[in-house]
């Protein structure tokens, strides 16, 4: 009996040791990839005087870059929220030929490099592009202008809202929709009174992810914008431009602002995810 107790104690200690080894490895990896870089950004930012930081952030080019990022993010969120919700309802509640193929295409932005996506849009909407030549004949500029930047951002953020809502709708089923229809509700009333309340936290999670991705987008926007100062330069492009020009004060201070925004978005994502899991 004593030997058995000793064996159990040894096994328990080995499990505890293994547990703390794994936790230590995870924490070390987490610190190396996330915490240390963030500390580095903060330290590099505040190596400079506050006046240098504020002047860098308040320059015309920097303020324009941040406002342009906010504008593109706002437009991308509105459009992808509307069409992402429509796609989710169609794929979750409707059956038609080619549905599985079309649904698999939602994941395409995850598989395609943003740089490649940018060149795709240049081919389509550039001055000599398949569609762009028509727009240019109408004196409408897509590439190296705001419309191209919005299109590129829409592409890279396409999956988030739809992918978060589809599983919620499938789990929710169509029984309540059918009951509301029998009781005389219109399709619009069914959406507002039945569908929307059931997907609200999945929708919130998808919107938050869309915001985060839009703010941090670099590759596709770089290709289609040309990164023209005070015209087509977003916050991430501004950081890259200042870093390559050795303006470290401007680069690191702008990066710190984006990091703080990302931290806020991260907390919103966690909150929305927890609420979605409770439903």
Foldseek 3Di string as FASTA:
>chain_A
DVVVVVVVVVVVVVVVVVVVVVVVVVVVVCCVVPVVVLVVLVVLQVVDDPVLLVCLCPDLLNVLQAVLLVVLLVVLLVVLLVVLVVLLCCLQPHDDPCSVVVVVCLCVLVVDDLQVVLVVVCQCQNCPHPPNVVCVVVVHHCFLASNVLSVSLNSNLNNQQNVLQNVQSNVVDCPVVVVCVVVPDDPVCCCVPPVCVSCVLSNQLSSLVSSLCSLPDDNNLCSRNVCDGSGRNHLNNVLVVCVVVVVSNSNSSSVSVNVVVVVVSVVSNVVSVVVNVVD
